[in-house]
Amino acid sequence: MTQEKRNRREFLQSAGIGAAASLVGASGSAAQGRARTPDSAAPQAGKCLFELGLASYTLRKFDLDQTLAMTRRVGLKYICFKDVHLKMDSTPEQIQATVQKVKDAGLILYGGGVIYMRDEAQVRQAFEYAKAAGMKMIVGVPLPETLPLVDKLVKQYDIKVAIHNHGPTDKVYPVLATAYEKIKDLDKRIGLCDDIGHTMRAGVDPCESAEKFADRLLDVHIKDVSAADAKGGAVEIGRGVIDIPKYIRTLVKIKYGGVLSFEYEKDADDPMPGLAESVGYVRGVMAAV
């Protein structure tokens, strides 16, 4: 039996098909249909301390208004903006206008990223950008030589920085362990964003990684991939090789209390069917925990 079949069978046996299908109505053209409010979403299991959200890179082909409506439609409340939805060089007035749209949509803008920080100017820009937008977190890739400044600014701004791993082709932070070694003695507001797809593509079990680095796990990009190597591509959650039920149980075990953000990178022109399936699958797993 393949890993995909084991994952899906475990989920269906424990949670029931109804929980997984809670968002089936979200399929079809991404720009069509009536938006669902976060309040109408299926309740989270009591043991899950984390919230569900969206990494807006998922909707990189869509404008801000479409992105907010589509996020509501799949019942997600928290959102982390890629700069396609809020430019890094936006004026204070543009930032405030965008933030107001997020609030009017009933959503919470909890962070920005992935933001690359290659030098002092980019580090300072990232913190000013996050502050102006009221973000609590920067999901970023600060180069190792910028970390002393990052350590200083997280204290000054009280904004967290979650370092994002990018898998086997990333020479800076391929896995959480690489980043952890560089930040373990720094302020605890500097932590990790675990992109579990890239973790799996690097040949590392996301469950073991999350448990090992639980003390610095600030954010999660949840997704699934077709193979546990560099050739692994994005697939709907539950159809790939990552043991999602085990990963959710691991988050419960370590009492992860951040956001579980869906980053669905497949079908960029029409992501809603796959995103809705992925959200429904995870909600079903959560209901069974």
C-alpha atoms as a PDB file:
ATOM      1  CA  MET A   1       0.000   0.000   0.000  1.00  0.00           C
ATOM      2  CA  THR A   2       1.379   3.422  -0.900  1.00  0.00           C
ATOM      3  CA  GLN A   3       1.950   6.183   1.667  1.00  0.00           C
ATOM      4  CA  GLU A   4      -0.839   8.202  -0.002  1.00  0.00           C
ATOM      5  CA  LYS A   5      -3.351   5.386   0.464  1.00  0.00           C
ATOM      6  CA  ARG A   6      -2.266   4.820   4.073  1.00  0.00           C
ATOM      7  CA  ASN A   7      -2.640   8.516   4.879  1.00  0.00           C
ATOM      8  CA  ARG A   8      -6.058   8.807   3.312  1.00  0.00           C
ATOM      9  CA  ARG A   9      -7.354   5.519   4.761  1.00  0.00           C
ATOM     10  CA  GLU A  10      -6.256   6.479   8.277  1.00  0.00           C
ATOM     11  CA  PHE A  11      -7.973   9.815   7.928  1.00  0.00           C
ATOM     12  CA  LEU A  12     -11.214   8.448   6.457  1.00  0.00           C
ATOM     13  CA  GLN A  13     -11.468   5.690   9.046  1.00  0.00           C
ATOM     14  CA  SER A  14     -10.965   8.024  11.995  1.00  0.00           C
ATOM     15  CA  ALA A  15     -12.692  11.185  10.889  1.00  0.00           C
ATOM     16  CA  GLY A  16     -15.324  10.127   8.402  1.00  0.00           C
ATOM     17  CA  ILE A  17     -15.814  11.292   4.855  1.00  0.00           C
ATOM     18  CA  GLY A  18     -18.141  14.104   5.912  1.00  0.00           C
ATOM     19  CA  ALA A  19     -15.424  16.051   7.706  1.00  0.00           C
ATOM     20  CA  ALA A  20     -13.113  15.914   4.718  1.00  0.00           C
ATOM     21  CA  ALA A  21     -15.849  17.043   2.369  1.00  0.00           C
ATOM     22  CA  SER A  22     -16.818  20.083   4.410  1.00  0.00           C
ATOM     23  CA  LEU A  23     -15.385  22.427   1.808  1.00  0.00           C
ATOM     24  CA  VAL A  24     -16.219  20.578  -1.422  1.00  0.00           C
ATOM     25  CA  GLY A  25     -18.497  23.424  -2.456  1.00  0.00           C
ATOM     26  CA  ALA A  26     -15.492  25.662  -2.866  1.00  0.00           C
ATOM     27  CA  SER A  27     -14.452  24.024  -6.136  1.00  0.00           C
ATOM     28  CA  GLY A  28     -14.752  25.727  -9.492  1.00  0.00           C
ATOM     29  CA  SER A  29     -13.408  29.003 -10.766  1.00  0.00           C
ATOM     30  CA  ALA A  30     -11.545  30.864  -8.040  1.00  0.00           C
ATOM     31  CA  ALA A  31     -13.172  34.203  -8.756  1.00  0.00           C
ATOM     32  CA  GLN A  32     -16.730  32.852  -8.647  1.00  0.00           C
ATOM     33  CA  GLY A  33     -19.058  31.887  -5.841  1.00  0.00           C
ATOM     34  CA  ARG A  34     -20.132  33.427  -2.603  1.00  0.00           C
ATOM     35  CA  ALA A  35     -17.477  34.008   0.035  1.00  0.00           C
ATOM     36  CA  ARG A  36     -17.774  32.072   3.290  1.00  0.00           C
ATOM     37  CA  THR A  37     -17.066  33.892   6.489  1.00  0.00           C
ATOM     38  CA  PRO A  38     -14.546  32.465   8.959  1.00  0.00           C
ATOM     39  CA  ASP A  39     -17.360  32.086  11.494  1.00  0.00           C
ATOM     40  CA  SER A  40     -19.031  29.502   9.240  1.00  0.00           C
ATOM     41  CA  ALA A  41     -15.963  27.275   9.185  1.00  0.00           C
ATOM     42  CA  ALA A  42     -15.958  23.902  10.881  1.00  0.00           C
ATOM     43  CA  PRO A  43     -14.860  24.219  14.536  1.00  0.00           C
ATOM     44  CA  GLN A  44     -11.375  23.132  15.409  1.00  0.00           C
ATOM     45  CA  ALA A  45     -10.750  20.200  17.682  1.00  0.00           C
ATOM     46  CA  GLY A  46     -10.301  21.192  21.310  1.00  0.00           C
ATOM     47  CA  LYS A  47      -6.862  19.604  21.522  1.00  0.00           C
ATOM     48  CA  CYS A  48      -5.480  21.659  18.662  1.00  0.00           C
ATOM     49  CA  LEU A  49      -4.033  24.881  20.027  1.00  0.00           C
ATOM     50  CA  PHE A  50      -3.057  26.203  16.614  1.00  0.00           C
ATOM     51  CA  GLU A  51      -5.096  28.263  14.147  1.00  0.00           C
ATOM     52  CA  LEU A  52      -5.549  27.670  10.432  1.00  0.00           C
ATOM     53  CA  GLY A  53      -4.423  30.294   7.959  1.00  0.00           C
ATOM     54  CA  LEU A  54      -3.214  30.968   4.449  1.00  0.00           C
ATOM     55  CA  ALA A  55       0.177  31.843   3.051  1.00  0.00           C
ATOM     56  CA  SER A  56      -0.983  34.197   0.338  1.00  0.00           C
ATOM     57  CA  TYR A  57       1.671  32.961  -2.096  1.00  0.00           C
ATOM     58  CA  THR A  58      -0.978  30.310  -2.761  1.00  0.00           C
ATOM     59  CA  LEU A  59      -3.015  33.003  -4.541  1.00  0.00           C
ATOM     60  CA  ARG A  60      -0.131  34.819  -6.176  1.00  0.00           C
ATOM     61  CA  LYS A  61      -1.990  35.054  -9.497  1.00  0.00           C
ATOM     62  CA  PHE A  62      -4.914  36.910  -7.907  1.00  0.00           C
ATOM     63  CA  ASP A  63      -5.298  40.478  -6.717  1.00  0.00           C
ATOM     64  CA  LEU A  64      -5.877  41.561  -3.136  1.00  0.00           C
ATOM     65  CA  ASP A  65      -9.676  41.628  -3.239  1.00  0.00           C
ATOM     66  CA  GLN A  66      -9.866  38.197  -4.867  1.00  0.00           C
ATOM     67  CA  THR A  67      -7.356  36.814  -2.374  1.00  0.00           C
ATOM     68  CA  LEU A  68      -9.350  38.011   0.629  1.00  0.00           C
ATOM     69  CA  ALA A  69     -12.605  36.641  -0.796  1.00  0.00           C
ATOM     70  CA  MET A  70     -11.031  33.290  -1.632  1.00  0.00           C
ATOM     71  CA  THR A  71      -9.461  33.005   1.820  1.00  0.00           C
ATOM     72  CA  ARG A  72     -12.892  33.555   3.377  1.00  0.00           C
ATOM     73  CA  ARG A  73     -14.447  31.096   0.966  1.00  0.00           C
ATOM     74  CA  VAL A  74     -12.363  28.207   2.268  1.00  0.00           C
ATOM     75  CA  GLY A  75     -13.049  29.220   5.849  1.00  0.00           C
ATOM     76  CA  LEU A  76      -9.583  30.444   6.831  1.00  0.00           C
ATOM     77  CA  LYS A  77      -9.213  33.426   9.141  1.00  0.00           C
ATOM     78  CA  TYR A  78      -5.482  34.122   9.422  1.00  0.00           C
ATOM     79  CA  ILE A  79      -3.371  35.284   6.498  1.00  0.00           C
ATOM     80  CA  CYS A  80       0.323  35.900   5.881  1.00  0.00           C
ATOM     81  CA  PHE A  81       0.934  38.225   2.944  1.00  0.00           C
ATOM     82  CA  LYS A  82       3.459  37.620   0.226  1.00  0.00           C
ATOM     83  CA  ASP A  83       4.560  40.990  -1.125  1.00  0.00           C
ATOM     84  CA  VAL A  84       2.517  40.493  -4.292  1.00  0.00           C
ATOM     85  CA  HIS A  85      -0.471  41.412  -2.089  1.00  0.00           C
ATOM     86  CA  LEU A  86       1.281  44.159  -0.118  1.00  0.00           C
ATOM     87  CA  LYS A  87       4.387  45.558  -1.739  1.00  0.00           C
ATOM     88  CA  MET A  88       7.444  45.972   0.444  1.00  0.00           C
ATOM     89  CA  ASP A  89       7.842  49.555  -0.794  1.00  0.00           C
ATOM     90  CA  SER A  90       4.230  50.521  -0.085  1.00  0.00           C
ATOM     91  CA  THR A  91       3.608  53.921   1.446  1.00  0.00           C
ATOM     92  CA  PRO A  92       2.147  54.112   4.972  1.00  0.00           C
ATOM     93  CA  GLU A  93      -1.153  55.161   3.396  1.00  0.00           C
ATOM     94  CA  GLN A  94      -1.164  52.162   1.062  1.00  0.00           C
ATOM     95  CA  ILE A  95      -0.352  49.819   3.917  1.00  0.00           C
ATOM     96  CA  GLN A  96      -3.152  51.176   6.068  1.00  0.00           C
ATOM     97  CA  ALA A  97      -5.640  50.932   3.216  1.00  0.00           C
ATOM     98  CA  THR A  98      -4.700  47.292   2.683  1.00  0.00           C
ATOM     99  CA  VAL A  99      -4.842  46.493   6.385  1.00  0.00           C
ATOM    100  CA  GLN A 100      -8.320  48.013   6.556  1.00  0.00           C
ATOM    101  CA  LYS A 101      -9.462  45.780   3.703  1.00  0.00           C
ATOM    102  CA  VAL A 102      -8.198  42.755   5.615  1.00  0.00           C
ATOM    103  CA  LYS A 103     -10.111  43.841   8.715  1.00  0.00           C
ATOM    104  CA  ASP A 104     -13.257  44.569   6.711  1.00  0.00           C
ATOM    105  CA  ALA A 105     -13.055  41.035   5.330  1.00  0.00           C
ATOM    106  CA  GLY A 106     -13.030  39.657   8.875  1.00  0.00           C
ATOM    107  CA  LEU A 107      -9.501  38.297   8.519  1.00  0.00           C
ATOM    108  CA  ILE A 108      -6.356  38.684  10.615  1.00  0.00           C
ATOM    109  CA  LEU A 109      -3.077  39.696   8.972  1.00  0.00           C
ATOM    110  CA  TYR A 110      -0.648  37.920  11.275  1.00  0.00           C
ATOM    111  CA  GLY A 111       2.521  38.086   9.208  1.00  0.00           C
ATOM    112  CA  GLY A 112       4.409  38.799   6.027  1.00  0.00           C
ATOM    113  CA  GLY A 113       6.592  36.537   3.964  1.00  0.00           C
ATOM    114  CA  VAL A 114       8.569  34.973   2.705  1.00  0.00           C
ATOM    115  CA  ILE A 115      10.747  38.107   3.017  1.00  0.00           C
ATOM    116  CA  TYR A 116      14.387  37.920   1.999  1.00  0.00           C
ATOM    117  CA  MET A 117      16.836  39.886   4.128  1.00  0.00           C
ATOM    118  CA  ARG A 118      20.254  39.980   2.507  1.00  0.00           C
ATOM    119  CA  ASP A 119      21.707  43.097   4.121  1.00  0.00           C
ATOM    120  CA  GLU A 120      21.079  45.698   6.810  1.00  0.00           C
ATOM    121  CA  ALA A 121      18.810  47.823   4.622  1.00  0.00           C
ATOM    122  CA  GLN A 122      16.523  44.888   3.836  1.00  0.00           C
ATOM    123  CA  VAL A 123      16.390  43.801   7.475  1.00  0.00           C
ATOM    124  CA  ARG A 124      15.362  47.271   8.616  1.00  0.00           C
ATOM    125  CA  GLN A 125      12.852  47.577   5.787  1.00  0.00           C
ATOM    126  CA  ALA A 126      11.258  44.265   6.783  1.00  0.00           C
ATOM    127  CA  PHE A 127      10.756  45.361  10.384  1.00  0.00           C
ATOM    128  CA  GLU A 128       9.367  48.771   9.402  1.00  0.00           C
ATOM    129  CA  TYR A 129       7.025  47.102   6.902  1.00  0.00           C
ATOM    130  CA  ALA A 130       5.761  44.619   9.504  1.00  0.00           C
ATOM    131  CA  LYS A 131       5.335  47.335  12.119  1.00  0.00           C
ATOM    132  CA  ALA A 132       3.346  49.576   9.775  1.00  0.00           C
ATOM    133  CA  ALA A 133       1.008  46.705   8.903  1.00  0.00           C
ATOM    134  CA  GLY A 134       0.585  45.554  12.507  1.00  0.00           C
ATOM    135  CA  MET A 135       2.106  42.170  11.725  1.00  0.00           C
ATOM    136  CA  LYS A 136       3.259  40.057  14.641  1.00  0.00           C
ATOM    137  CA  MET A 137       5.660  37.984  12.590  1.00  0.00           C
ATOM    138  CA  ILE A 138       8.088  38.137   9.697  1.00  0.00           C
ATOM    139  CA  VAL A 139       8.428  34.833   7.866  1.00  0.00           C
ATOM    140  CA  GLY A 140      11.792  35.351   6.330  1.00  0.00           C
ATOM    141  CA  VAL A 141      15.193  34.335   5.121  1.00  0.00           C
ATOM    142  CA  PRO A 142      17.743  36.551   6.872  1.00  0.00           C
ATOM    143  CA  LEU A 143      21.227  35.683   5.734  1.00  0.00           C
ATOM    144  CA  PRO A 144      23.397  34.412   8.628  1.00  0.00           C
ATOM    145  CA  GLU A 145      25.509  37.568   8.659  1.00  0.00           C
ATOM    146  CA  THR A 146      22.389  39.673   9.342  1.00  0.00           C
ATOM    147  CA  LEU A 147      21.320  37.663  12.411  1.00  0.00           C
ATOM    148  CA  PRO A 148      23.023  39.916  14.983  1.00  0.00           C
ATOM    149  CA  LEU A 149      20.956  42.825  13.656  1.00  0.00           C
ATOM    150  CA  VAL A 150      17.813  40.687  13.555  1.00  0.00           C
ATOM    151  CA  ASP A 151      18.473  39.742  17.179  1.00  0.00           C
ATOM    152  CA  LYS A 152      18.656  43.429  18.073  1.00  0.00           C
ATOM    153  CA  LEU A 153      15.521  44.407  16.147  1.00  0.00           C
ATOM    154  CA  VAL A 154      13.230  41.661  17.453  1.00  0.00           C
ATOM    155  CA  LYS A 155      13.819  43.163  20.884  1.00  0.00           C
ATOM    156  CA  GLN A 156      13.284  46.714  19.669  1.00  0.00           C
ATOM    157  CA  TYR A 157      10.111  46.016  17.662  1.00  0.00           C
ATOM    158  CA  ASP A 158       8.786  42.960  19.538  1.00  0.00           C
ATOM    159  CA  ILE A 159       8.095  41.301  16.192  1.00  0.00           C
ATOM    160  CA  LYS A 160       8.959  37.632  15.749  1.00  0.00           C
ATOM    161  CA  VAL A 161      11.073  36.316  12.890  1.00  0.00           C
ATOM    162  CA  ALA A 162      10.400  32.771  11.678  1.00  0.00           C
ATOM    163  CA  ILE A 163      13.171  31.491   9.398  1.00  0.00           C
ATOM    164  CA  HIS A 164      11.765  29.565   6.435  1.00  0.00           C
ATOM    165  CA  ASN A 165      13.531  26.482   5.071  1.00  0.00           C
ATOM    166  CA  HIS A 166      13.537  25.809   1.335  1.00  0.00           C
ATOM    167  CA  GLY A 167      14.653  22.210   0.981  1.00  0.00           C
ATOM    168  CA  PRO A 168      17.501  20.410  -0.775  1.00  0.00           C
ATOM    169  CA  THR A 169      18.310  23.145  -3.304  1.00  0.00           C
ATOM    170  CA  ASP A 170      18.597  25.842  -0.612  1.00  0.00           C
ATOM    171  CA  LYS A 171      22.225  26.448   0.326  1.00  0.00           C
ATOM    172  CA  VAL A 172      21.377  28.670   3.323  1.00  0.00           C
ATOM    173  CA  TYR A 173      18.505  27.030   5.242  1.00  0.00           C
ATOM    174  CA  PRO A 174      17.570  23.710   3.596  1.00  0.00           C
ATOM    175  CA  VAL A 175      16.104  22.242   6.807  1.00  0.00           C
ATOM    176  CA  LEU A 176      15.166  23.456  10.274  1.00  0.00           C
ATOM    177  CA  ALA A 177      18.354  22.051  11.786  1.00  0.00           C
ATOM    178  CA  THR A 178      20.473  24.393   9.690  1.00  0.00           C
ATOM    179  CA  ALA A 179      18.629  27.461  10.910  1.00  0.00           C
ATOM    180  CA  TYR A 180      18.363  26.232  14.485  1.00  0.00           C
ATOM    181  CA  GLU A 181      22.122  25.943  14.849  1.00  0.00           C
ATOM    182  CA  LYS A 182      22.495  29.592  13.905  1.00  0.00           C
ATOM    183  CA  ILE A 183      19.755  30.975  16.183  1.00  0.00           C
ATOM    184  CA  LYS A 184      19.763  28.707  19.244  1.00  0.00           C
ATOM    185  CA  ASP A 185      21.630  31.270  21.344  1.00  0.00           C
ATOM    186  CA  LEU A 186      19.663  34.281  20.085  1.00  0.00           C
ATOM    187  CA  ASP A 187      16.438  35.844  21.357  1.00  0.00           C
ATOM    188  CA  LYS A 188      13.619  33.287  21.373  1.00  0.00           C
ATOM    189  CA  ARG A 189      11.530  35.581  19.208  1.00  0.00           C
ATOM    190  CA  ILE A 190      13.787  34.380  16.401  1.00  0.00           C
ATOM    191  CA  GLY A 191      12.478  30.962  15.467  1.00  0.00           C
ATOM    192  CA  LEU A 192      11.479  28.695  12.631  1.00  0.00           C
ATOM    193  CA  CYS A 193       8.825  28.437   9.936  1.00  0.00           C
ATOM    194  CA  ASP A 194       8.644  24.780   9.006  1.00  0.00           C
ATOM    195  CA  ASP A 195       7.749  24.334   5.351  1.00  0.00           C
ATOM    196  CA  ILE A 196       6.949  20.658   5.706  1.00  0.00           C
ATOM    197  CA  GLY A 197       6.998  20.070   1.961  1.00  0.00           C
ATOM    198  CA  HIS A 198      10.574  21.278   1.667  1.00  0.00           C
ATOM    199  CA  THR A 199      11.477  19.402   4.860  1.00  0.00           C
ATOM    200  CA  MET A 200      10.180  16.183   3.311  1.00  0.00           C
ATOM    201  CA  ARG A 201      11.926  16.892  -0.008  1.00  0.00           C
ATOM    202  CA  ALA A 202      15.173  17.154   1.942  1.00  0.00           C
ATOM    203  CA  GLY A 203      14.650  13.611   3.229  1.00  0.00           C
ATOM    204  CA  VAL A 204      13.732  14.669   6.779  1.00  0.00           C
ATOM    205  CA  ASP A 205      10.614  13.454   8.577  1.00  0.00           C
ATOM    206  CA  PRO A 206       8.559  16.605   9.344  1.00  0.00           C
ATOM    207  CA  CYS A 207       7.190  15.019  12.517  1.00  0.00           C
ATOM    208  CA  GLU A 208      10.627  14.325  13.948  1.00  0.00           C
ATOM    209  CA  SER A 209      11.823  17.783  12.925  1.00  0.00           C
ATOM    210  CA  ALA A 210       8.860  19.561  14.529  1.00  0.00           C
ATOM    211  CA  GLU A 211       9.310  17.667  17.779  1.00  0.00           C
ATOM    212  CA  LYS A 212      13.065  18.199  17.887  1.00  0.00           C
ATOM    213  CA  PHE A 213      12.813  21.955  17.364  1.00  0.00           C
ATOM    214  CA  ALA A 214       9.495  22.558  19.126  1.00  0.00           C
ATOM    215  CA  ASP A 215      10.943  25.285  21.340  1.00  0.00           C
ATOM    216  CA  ARG A 216      11.576  27.494  18.289  1.00  0.00           C
ATOM    217  CA  LEU A 217       8.673  26.494  16.035  1.00  0.00           C
ATOM    218  CA  LEU A 218       6.821  29.762  15.366  1.00  0.00           C
ATOM    219  CA  ASP A 219       5.024  29.084  12.086  1.00  0.00           C
ATOM    220  CA  VAL A 220       4.166  26.185   9.769  1.00  0.00           C
ATOM    221  CA  HIS A 221       3.568  26.046   6.020  1.00  0.00           C
ATOM    222  CA  ILE A 222       1.464  22.939   5.584  1.00  0.00           C
ATOM    223  CA  LYS A 223       1.407  21.178   2.236  1.00  0.00           C
ATOM    224  CA  ASP A 224       2.020  17.785   0.668  1.00  0.00           C
ATOM    225  CA  VAL A 225       4.505  16.558  -1.937  1.00  0.00           C
ATOM    226  CA  SER A 226       4.671  13.670  -4.367  1.00  0.00           C
ATOM    227  CA  ALA A 227       8.073  12.323  -3.317  1.00  0.00           C
ATOM    228  CA  ALA A 228      10.518  12.526  -0.423  1.00  0.00           C
ATOM    229  CA  ASP A 229      13.338  13.879  -2.569  1.00  0.00           C
ATOM    230  CA  ALA A 230      14.273  16.942  -4.596  1.00  0.00           C
ATOM    231  CA  LYS A 231      11.942  15.852  -7.411  1.00  0.00           C
ATOM    232  CA  GLY A 232       8.881  15.932  -5.155  1.00  0.00           C
ATOM    233  CA  GLY A 233       6.205  18.276  -6.467  1.00  0.00           C
ATOM    234  CA  ALA A 234       3.192  19.931  -4.873  1.00  0.00           C
ATOM    235  CA  VAL A 235       0.004  17.871  -4.566  1.00  0.00           C
ATOM    236  CA  GLU A 236      -3.264  18.180  -2.670  1.00  0.00           C
ATOM    237  CA  ILE A 237      -2.831  17.466   1.037  1.00  0.00           C
ATOM    238  CA  GLY A 238      -3.493  13.789   1.693  1.00  0.00           C
ATOM    239  CA  ARG A 239      -2.473  12.679  -1.801  1.00  0.00           C
ATOM    240  CA  GLY A 240       1.284  12.790  -1.228  1.00  0.00           C
ATOM    241  CA  VAL A 241       3.918  11.134   0.908  1.00  0.00           C
ATOM    242  CA  ILE A 242       3.664  13.222   4.095  1.00  0.00           C
ATOM    243  CA  ASP A 243       1.847  11.519   6.965  1.00  0.00           C
ATOM    244  CA  ILE A 244      -0.478  14.424   7.748  1.00  0.00           C
ATOM    245  CA  PRO A 245      -2.432  12.705  10.562  1.00  0.00           C
ATOM    246  CA  LYS A 246       0.849  11.932  12.323  1.00  0.00           C
ATOM    247  CA  TYR A 247       2.037  15.510  11.796  1.00  0.00           C
ATOM    248  CA  ILE A 248      -1.145  16.968  13.307  1.00  0.00           C
ATOM    249  CA  ARG A 249      -0.802  14.619  16.282  1.00  0.00           C
ATOM    250  CA  THR A 250       2.800  15.806  16.658  1.00  0.00           C
ATOM    251  CA  LEU A 251       1.683  19.449  16.766  1.00  0.00           C
ATOM    252  CA  VAL A 252      -0.833  18.545  19.460  1.00  0.00           C
ATOM    253  CA  LYS A 253       1.857  16.668  21.394  1.00  0.00           C
ATOM    254  CA  ILE A 254       4.279  19.611  21.380  1.00  0.00           C
ATOM    255  CA  LYS A 255       1.416  22.036  22.103  1.00  0.00           C
ATOM    256  CA  TYR A 256       2.108  24.129  19.030  1.00  0.00           C
ATOM    257  CA  GLY A 257       0.069  27.311  19.345  1.00  0.00           C
ATOM    258  CA  GLY A 258       0.931  29.223  16.183  1.00  0.00           C
ATOM    259  CA  VAL A 259      -0.694  29.266  12.763  1.00  0.00           C
ATOM    260  CA  LEU A 260      -0.854  26.338  10.378  1.00  0.00           C
ATOM    261  CA  SER A 261      -0.759  28.162   7.031  1.00  0.00           C
ATOM    262  CA  PHE A 262      -1.742  26.434   3.832  1.00  0.00           C
ATOM    263  CA  GLU A 263       0.725  27.068   1.028  1.00  0.00           C
ATOM    264  CA  TYR A 264      -0.808  25.287  -1.936  1.00  0.00           C
ATOM    265  CA  GLU A 265       1.574  25.853  -4.824  1.00  0.00           C
ATOM    266  CA  LYS A 266      -0.071  23.628  -7.422  1.00  0.00           C
ATOM    267  CA  ASP A 267      -2.575  24.895 -10.029  1.00  0.00           C
ATOM    268  CA  ALA A 268      -1.631  28.556  -9.651  1.00  0.00           C
ATOM    269  CA  ASP A 269      -4.240  29.691 -12.195  1.00  0.00           C
ATOM    270  CA  ASP A 270      -7.103  27.815 -10.494  1.00  0.00           C
ATOM    271  CA  PRO A 271      -6.045  26.740  -6.988  1.00  0.00           C
ATOM    272  CA  MET A 272      -9.419  26.685  -5.257  1.00  0.00           C
ATOM    273  CA  PRO A 273     -10.422  23.028  -5.824  1.00  0.00           C
ATOM    274  CA  GLY A 274      -7.085  21.726  -4.531  1.00  0.00           C
ATOM    275  CA  LEU A 275      -6.891  24.260  -1.720  1.00  0.00           C
ATOM    276  CA  ALA A 276     -10.432  23.427  -0.595  1.00  0.00           C
ATOM    277  CA  GLU A 277      -9.665  19.707  -0.662  1.00  0.00           C
ATOM    278  CA  SER A 278      -6.509  20.304   1.375  1.00  0.00           C
ATOM    279  CA  VAL A 279      -8.294  22.436   3.977  1.00  0.00           C
ATOM    280  CA  GLY A 280     -11.106  19.893   4.263  1.00  0.00           C
ATOM    281  CA  TYR A 281      -8.660  17.058   4.719  1.00  0.00           C
ATOM    282  CA  VAL A 282      -6.768  18.839   7.505  1.00  0.00           C
ATOM    283  CA  ARG A 283      -9.982  19.832   9.268  1.00  0.00           C
ATOM    284  CA  GLY A 284     -11.103  16.232   9.175  1.00  0.00           C
ATOM    285  CA  VAL A 285      -7.828  15.080  10.695  1.00  0.00           C
ATOM    286  CA  MET A 286      -8.102  17.745  13.386  1.00  0.00           C
ATOM    287  CA  ALA A 287     -11.622  16.600  14.234  1.00  0.00           C
ATOM    288  CA  ALA A 288     -10.311  13.079  14.759  1.00  0.00           C
ATOM    289  CA  VAL A 289      -7.400  14.024  17.023  1.00  0.00           C
END
